[in-house]
Amino acid sequence: MKYKLIKTKKEYQSAIDRLDKIFDAKKGTAEADELELLSTLIEKYEDELYPIALPDPIEAIKFRMEQMSYSQKDLAEIIGLKSRASEVLNKKRKLTLEMIRNLNEALNIPTDILIQDY
């Protein structure tokens, strides 16, 4: 097993093909180690070639609220007044540091998403 960083689409496809062949490798075997290494190399290549941008902070809040079946009233309890929650959701008010901390804790939204400009 000799691997190097994946730099071309041909190398990427070759790595994917090999990964498919050893996907069900038993833990503790040489193939399992190869699978882990290939997965890491493929992930690195994909992250560099196809980076995924962080979501808009307000859209992330709305999405998480929907997942948790939260209403604007529930959001108001997290960040302050109901009118403030409305302003935030409509992008008329920026998130404060305290709001970001509260949202991170209550909704488990990563702070690196919440601190982005919008």
C-alpha atoms as a PDB file:
ATOM      1  CA  MET A   1       0.000   0.000   0.000  1.00  0.00           C
ATOM      2  CA  LYS A   2       1.661   3.173  -1.210  1.00  0.00           C
ATOM      3  CA  TYR A   3      -0.367   6.382  -1.354  1.00  0.00           C
ATOM      4  CA  LYS A   4       0.249  10.063  -1.931  1.00  0.00           C
ATOM      5  CA  LEU A   5      -1.916  13.142  -1.993  1.00  0.00           C
ATOM      6  CA  ILE A   6      -4.621  13.125  -4.648  1.00  0.00           C
ATOM      7  CA  LYS A   7      -3.999  15.931  -7.134  1.00  0.00           C
ATOM      8  CA  THR A   8      -5.843  14.979 -10.321  1.00  0.00           C
ATOM      9  CA  LYS A   9      -9.299  13.771 -11.275  1.00  0.00           C
ATOM     10  CA  LYS A  10      -7.756  10.546 -12.563  1.00  0.00           C
ATOM     11  CA  GLU A  11      -6.084   9.877  -9.193  1.00  0.00           C
ATOM     12  CA  TYR A  12      -9.335  10.793  -7.455  1.00  0.00           C
ATOM     13  CA  GLN A  13     -11.346   8.343  -9.568  1.00  0.00           C
ATOM     14  CA  SER A  14      -8.783   5.629  -8.974  1.00  0.00           C
ATOM     15  CA  ALA A  15      -9.001   6.214  -5.220  1.00  0.00           C
ATOM     16  CA  ILE A  16     -12.816   6.097  -5.343  1.00  0.00           C
ATOM     17  CA  ASP A  17     -12.717   2.834  -7.291  1.00  0.00           C
ATOM     18  CA  ARG A  18     -10.344   1.275  -4.755  1.00  0.00           C
ATOM     19  CA  LEU A  19     -12.454   2.577  -1.874  1.00  0.00           C
ATOM     20  CA  ASP A  20     -15.514   0.877  -3.377  1.00  0.00           C
ATOM     21  CA  LYS A  21     -13.633  -2.444  -3.530  1.00  0.00           C
ATOM     22  CA  ILE A  22     -12.487  -2.381   0.103  1.00  0.00           C
ATOM     23  CA  PHE A  23     -15.460  -0.569   1.613  1.00  0.00           C
ATOM     24  CA  ASP A  24     -16.541  -3.546   3.751  1.00  0.00           C
ATOM     25  CA  ALA A  25     -13.051  -4.316   5.114  1.00  0.00           C
ATOM     26  CA  LYS A  26     -12.998  -5.903   8.557  1.00  0.00           C
ATOM     27  CA  LYS A  27     -11.702  -3.706  11.357  1.00  0.00           C
ATOM     28  CA  GLY A  28      -8.101  -4.384  12.317  1.00  0.00           C
ATOM     29  CA  THR A  29      -7.047  -5.582   8.874  1.00  0.00           C
ATOM     30  CA  ALA A  30      -4.600  -3.996   6.450  1.00  0.00           C
ATOM     31  CA  GLU A  31      -7.530  -3.239   4.133  1.00  0.00           C
ATOM     32  CA  ALA A  32      -9.303  -1.381   6.948  1.00  0.00           C
ATOM     33  CA  ASP A  33      -6.197   0.758   7.443  1.00  0.00           C
ATOM     34  CA  GLU A  34      -6.071   1.357   3.694  1.00  0.00           C
ATOM     35  CA  LEU A  35      -9.766   2.291   3.729  1.00  0.00           C
ATOM     36  CA  GLU A  36      -9.186   4.869   6.460  1.00  0.00           C
ATOM     37  CA  LEU A  37      -6.194   6.347   4.656  1.00  0.00           C
ATOM     38  CA  LEU A  38      -8.015   6.510   1.322  1.00  0.00           C
ATOM     39  CA  SER A  39     -11.035   8.116   2.977  1.00  0.00           C
ATOM     40  CA  THR A  40      -8.821  10.823   4.450  1.00  0.00           C
ATOM     41  CA  LEU A  41      -7.073  11.490   1.131  1.00  0.00           C
ATOM     42  CA  ILE A  42     -10.386  11.618  -0.753  1.00  0.00           C
ATOM     43  CA  GLU A  43     -11.929  13.926   1.839  1.00  0.00           C
ATOM     44  CA  LYS A  44      -8.957  16.305   1.617  1.00  0.00           C
ATOM     45  CA  TYR A  45      -9.164  16.394  -2.176  1.00  0.00           C
ATOM     46  CA  GLU A  46     -12.930  17.008  -2.140  1.00  0.00           C
ATOM     47  CA  ASP A  47     -12.640  19.731   0.518  1.00  0.00           C
ATOM     48  CA  GLU A  48     -10.088  21.578  -1.599  1.00  0.00           C
ATOM     49  CA  LEU A  49     -11.878  21.101  -4.915  1.00  0.00           C
ATOM     50  CA  TYR A  50     -15.470  21.477  -3.750  1.00  0.00           C
ATOM     51  CA  PRO A  51     -15.470  23.641  -0.622  1.00  0.00           C
ATOM     52  CA  ILE A  52     -18.822  24.019   1.108  1.00  0.00           C
ATOM     53  CA  ALA A  53     -19.527  27.512   2.342  1.00  0.00           C
ATOM     54  CA  LEU A  54     -21.010  28.050   5.750  1.00  0.00           C
ATOM     55  CA  PRO A  55     -24.739  28.780   5.725  1.00  0.00           C
ATOM     56  CA  ASP A  56     -26.200  32.221   6.272  1.00  0.00           C
ATOM     57  CA  PRO A  57     -26.560  32.768  10.049  1.00  0.00           C
ATOM     58  CA  ILE A  58     -30.243  33.707   9.904  1.00  0.00           C
ATOM     59  CA  GLU A  59     -31.082  30.813   7.602  1.00  0.00           C
ATOM     60  CA  ALA A  60     -29.263  28.512  10.034  1.00  0.00           C
ATOM     61  CA  ILE A  61     -31.380  29.862  12.888  1.00  0.00           C
ATOM     62  CA  LYS A  62     -34.592  29.401  10.897  1.00  0.00           C
ATOM     63  CA  PHE A  63     -33.578  25.885   9.884  1.00  0.00           C
ATOM     64  CA  ARG A  64     -32.752  24.893  13.459  1.00  0.00           C
ATOM     65  CA  MET A  65     -35.979  26.438  14.734  1.00  0.00           C
ATOM     66  CA  GLU A  66     -37.912  24.379  12.197  1.00  0.00           C
ATOM     67  CA  GLN A  67     -36.070  21.211  13.233  1.00  0.00           C
ATOM     68  CA  MET A  68     -36.911  21.846  16.869  1.00  0.00           C
ATOM     69  CA  SER A  69     -40.478  23.052  16.147  1.00  0.00           C
ATOM     70  CA  TYR A  70     -39.655  26.425  17.716  1.00  0.00           C
ATOM     71  CA  SER A  71     -41.769  29.488  17.093  1.00  0.00           C
ATOM     72  CA  GLN A  72     -40.728  33.119  17.036  1.00  0.00           C
ATOM     73  CA  LYS A  73     -41.903  33.262  20.650  1.00  0.00           C
ATOM     74  CA  ASP A  74     -39.437  30.506  21.562  1.00  0.00           C
ATOM     75  CA  LEU A  75     -36.683  32.438  19.810  1.00  0.00           C
ATOM     76  CA  ALA A  76     -37.668  35.553  21.742  1.00  0.00           C
ATOM     77  CA  GLU A  77     -37.074  33.685  24.994  1.00  0.00           C
ATOM     78  CA  ILE A  78     -33.555  32.890  23.813  1.00  0.00           C
ATOM     79  CA  ILE A  79     -32.498  36.311  22.488  1.00  0.00           C
ATOM     80  CA  GLY A  80     -34.770  38.759  24.291  1.00  0.00           C
ATOM     81  CA  LEU A  81     -37.927  40.505  23.191  1.00  0.00           C
ATOM     82  CA  LYS A  82     -40.375  39.182  20.587  1.00  0.00           C
ATOM     83  CA  SER A  83     -39.850  42.308  18.505  1.00  0.00           C
ATOM     84  CA  ARG A  84     -36.086  41.715  18.631  1.00  0.00           C
ATOM     85  CA  ALA A  85     -36.578  38.143  17.415  1.00  0.00           C
ATOM     86  CA  SER A  86     -38.662  39.458  14.526  1.00  0.00           C
ATOM     87  CA  GLU A  87     -36.018  42.029  13.615  1.00  0.00           C
ATOM     88  CA  VAL A  88     -33.276  39.380  13.674  1.00  0.00           C
ATOM     89  CA  LEU A  89     -35.267  36.940  11.538  1.00  0.00           C
ATOM     90  CA  ASN A  90     -35.985  39.704   9.023  1.00  0.00           C
ATOM     91  CA  LYS A  91     -32.307  40.763   9.020  1.00  0.00           C
ATOM     92  CA  LYS A  92     -33.133  44.210  10.343  1.00  0.00           C
ATOM     93  CA  ARG A  93     -31.058  43.717  13.494  1.00  0.00           C
ATOM     94  CA  LYS A  94     -27.598  42.204  13.739  1.00  0.00           C
ATOM     95  CA  LEU A  95     -26.863  39.472  16.231  1.00  0.00           C
ATOM     96  CA  THR A  96     -25.079  40.645  19.350  1.00  0.00           C
ATOM     97  CA  LEU A  97     -22.399  38.660  21.131  1.00  0.00           C
ATOM     98  CA  GLU A  98     -24.875  37.775  23.877  1.00  0.00           C
ATOM     99  CA  MET A  99     -27.439  36.589  21.304  1.00  0.00           C
ATOM    100  CA  ILE A 100     -24.789  34.474  19.598  1.00  0.00           C
ATOM    101  CA  ARG A 101     -23.828  32.852  22.882  1.00  0.00           C
ATOM    102  CA  ASN A 102     -27.466  32.167  23.751  1.00  0.00           C
ATOM    103  CA  LEU A 103     -28.248  30.755  20.303  1.00  0.00           C
ATOM    104  CA  ASN A 104     -25.178  28.552  20.428  1.00  0.00           C
ATOM    105  CA  GLU A 105     -26.217  27.151  23.777  1.00  0.00           C
ATOM    106  CA  ALA A 106     -29.971  26.840  23.167  1.00  0.00           C
ATOM    107  CA  LEU A 107     -30.044  25.806  19.512  1.00  0.00           C
ATOM    108  CA  ASN A 108     -26.583  24.234  19.296  1.00  0.00           C
ATOM    109  CA  ILE A 109     -25.641  26.294  16.237  1.00  0.00           C
ATOM    110  CA  PRO A 110     -21.856  26.619  15.926  1.00  0.00           C
ATOM    111  CA  THR A 111     -20.574  30.095  16.694  1.00  0.00           C
ATOM    112  CA  ASP A 112     -18.503  30.183  13.489  1.00  0.00           C
ATOM    113  CA  ILE A 113     -21.806  30.176  11.587  1.00  0.00           C
ATOM    114  CA  LEU A 114     -23.459  32.783  13.812  1.00  0.00           C
ATOM    115  CA  ILE A 115     -20.603  35.297  13.699  1.00  0.00           C
ATOM    116  CA  GLN A 116     -20.598  35.579   9.904  1.00  0.00           C
ATOM    117  CA  ASP A 117     -21.649  38.816   8.298  1.00  0.00           C
ATOM    118  CA  TYR A 118     -25.017  38.811   6.557  1.00  0.00           C
END
